[in-house]
Amino acid sequence: MTSRAKSNAGQGRKPAGRAVRLHVVPQGGGWAVKRAGQTQSIGLYRTQEEATRAAQDALRASGGELRIQGRDGRWRESFTLGRNAMASISAVEGVHLTADMQRDFRDFDHRGLSAGKRRRAIAGKYGKGSA
């Protein structure tokens, strides 16, 4: 099943319409991460899961679209990642970050923290019993 979300992901770093588009595709016995429209891979991985994680990490800060292809050549998934997409969803839900939280997230980006380390830092600072 394919799900597609539209957003302005990547606008903070690139002009509108120029968001990064990455594809996870089968290559040989493994999986490659490629920029859309490019033939050369930017990474080769043993499993589709490893390639997908690498592509998600690459899109975390800049945002963009990720498409995942199966061995049969059919596109299995397509979704948009990035800060602007989450900001749009949060605004609709009525969730807003404080200035302190925004500083924390900029610091996480600067330090290159993984998703797990970000979660632990947020839970440690804002979770129950942290006050």
Protein backbone atom coordinates (compact mmCIF):
# COMPACT_ATOMS: atom_id res chain seq x y z
CA MET A 1 0.00 0.00 0.00
CA THR A 2 1.37 3.39 -0.93
CA SER A 3 0.79 6.44 1.19
CA ARG A 4 1.78 9.86 0.00
CA ALA A 5 1.83 13.05 2.03
CA LYS A 6 2.30 16.47 0.49
CA SER A 7 4.35 19.05 2.32
CA ASN A 8 6.82 21.81 1.85
CA ALA A 9 9.58 19.73 3.41
CA GLY A 10 13.03 21.06 2.80
CA GLN A 11 11.96 24.64 2.10
CA GLY A 12 14.11 25.91 4.93
CA ARG A 13 17.21 24.73 3.11
CA LYS A 14 16.21 24.59 -0.54
CA PRO A 15 13.87 26.57 -2.79
CA ALA A 16 10.27 25.32 -2.96
CA GLY A 17 9.86 22.28 -5.19
CA ARG A 18 13.50 21.29 -4.76
CA ALA A 19 13.15 19.01 -1.74
CA VAL A 20 15.44 16.00 -1.75
CA ARG A 21 13.88 12.86 -3.20
CA LEU A 22 15.54 9.56 -2.28
CA HIS A 23 14.73 6.08 -3.53
CA VAL A 24 15.52 2.74 -1.88
CA VAL A 25 15.85 0.25 -4.74
CA PRO A 26 17.13 -3.30 -5.17
CA GLN A 27 20.63 -3.48 -6.61
CA GLY A 28 22.41 -6.75 -7.16
CA GLY A 29 21.92 -8.87 -4.04
CA GLY A 30 21.44 -5.82 -1.81
CA TRP A 31 19.75 -2.44 -1.66
CA ALA A 32 20.82 1.01 -2.84
CA VAL A 33 19.86 4.52 -1.80
CA LYS A 34 19.74 6.84 -4.81
CA ARG A 35 18.67 10.40 -5.46
CA ALA A 36 15.66 10.52 -7.79
CA GLY A 37 16.77 10.75 -11.41
CA GLN A 38 20.33 9.62 -10.65
CA THR A 39 21.88 6.33 -11.69
CA GLN A 40 24.74 6.32 -9.18
CA SER A 41 23.88 5.20 -5.66
CA ILE A 42 24.79 7.24 -2.59
CA GLY A 43 24.92 4.11 -0.45
CA LEU A 44 24.73 0.31 -0.73
CA TYR A 45 23.26 -1.87 2.01
CA ARG A 46 22.76 -5.55 2.71
CA THR A 47 19.05 -5.28 3.59
CA GLN A 48 16.13 -3.09 2.58
CA GLU A 49 15.66 -2.14 6.24
CA GLU A 50 19.25 -0.86 6.53
CA ALA A 51 18.89 1.15 3.33
CA THR A 52 15.57 2.62 4.48
CA ARG A 53 17.04 3.66 7.84
CA ALA A 54 20.00 5.32 6.09
CA ALA A 55 17.69 7.22 3.74
CA GLN A 56 15.50 8.35 6.64
CA ASP A 57 18.58 9.58 8.53
CA ALA A 58 19.72 11.49 5.45
CA LEU A 59 16.32 13.21 5.19
CA ARG A 60 15.90 13.91 8.92
CA ALA A 61 17.21 17.51 8.94
CA SER A 62 16.59 18.66 5.37
CA GLY A 63 13.30 16.89 4.73
CA GLY A 64 12.16 15.37 1.49
CA GLU A 65 10.42 12.41 -0.08
CA LEU A 66 11.39 8.78 0.38
CA ARG A 67 10.17 6.07 -1.99
CA ILE A 68 10.81 2.37 -1.39
CA GLN A 69 10.75 -0.14 -4.25
CA GLY A 70 10.28 -3.90 -3.89
CA ARG A 71 12.33 -6.56 -5.68
CA ASP A 72 9.39 -6.94 -8.07
CA GLY A 73 9.93 -3.34 -9.28
CA ARG A 74 6.71 -2.01 -7.75
CA TRP A 75 6.81 0.98 -5.42
CA ARG A 76 5.79 -0.22 -1.96
CA GLU A 77 5.86 2.98 0.06
CA SER A 78 6.20 6.68 -0.45
CA PHE A 79 6.19 9.31 2.26
CA THR A 80 7.51 12.73 3.16
CA LEU A 81 9.88 13.35 6.04
CA GLY A 82 11.14 16.52 7.61
CA ARG A 83 10.61 19.38 9.97
CA ASN A 84 8.18 21.37 7.82
CA ALA A 85 5.87 18.39 7.36
CA MET A 86 5.76 17.85 11.12
CA ALA A 87 5.26 21.58 11.75
CA SER A 88 2.20 21.54 9.47
CA ILE A 89 0.73 18.51 11.23
CA SER A 90 1.45 20.02 14.65
CA ALA A 91 -0.24 23.30 13.73
CA VAL A 92 -3.40 21.45 12.68
CA GLU A 93 -3.34 19.48 15.94
CA GLY A 94 -2.76 22.66 17.98
CA VAL A 95 0.68 21.57 19.19
CA HIS A 96 3.35 24.26 19.37
CA LEU A 97 6.96 24.04 20.56
CA THR A 98 8.25 26.48 23.14
CA ALA A 99 11.34 28.55 22.33
CA ASP A 100 13.32 26.30 24.72
CA MET A 101 12.19 23.18 22.83
CA GLN A 102 13.09 24.77 19.48
CA ARG A 103 16.59 25.51 20.84
CA ASP A 104 16.88 21.88 21.99
CA PHE A 105 15.98 20.58 18.52
CA ARG A 106 18.47 22.92 16.82
CA ASP A 107 21.10 21.62 19.26
CA PHE A 108 20.16 18.00 18.43
CA ASP A 109 20.59 18.78 14.72
CA HIS A 110 23.94 20.48 15.36
CA ARG A 111 25.17 17.48 17.38
CA GLY A 112 23.81 14.99 14.81
CA LEU A 113 21.92 12.95 17.40
CA SER A 114 20.20 9.75 16.29
CA ALA A 115 16.45 9.35 16.72
CA GLY A 116 17.00 7.20 19.83
CA LYS A 117 19.31 9.73 21.45
CA ARG A 118 16.84 12.52 20.67
CA ARG A 119 14.02 10.56 22.34
CA ARG A 120 16.13 9.91 25.44
CA ALA A 121 17.16 13.57 25.70
CA ILE A 122 13.55 14.75 25.34
CA ALA A 123 12.27 12.19 27.88
CA GLY A 124 15.03 13.15 30.31
CA LYS A 125 14.30 16.84 30.09
CA TYR A 126 10.50 16.94 29.60
CA GLY A 127 9.26 13.52 30.74
CA LYS A 128 7.53 12.66 34.00
CA GLY A 129 9.73 13.15 37.04
CA SER A 130 12.14 15.46 35.21
CA ALA A 131 10.99 18.62 37.00
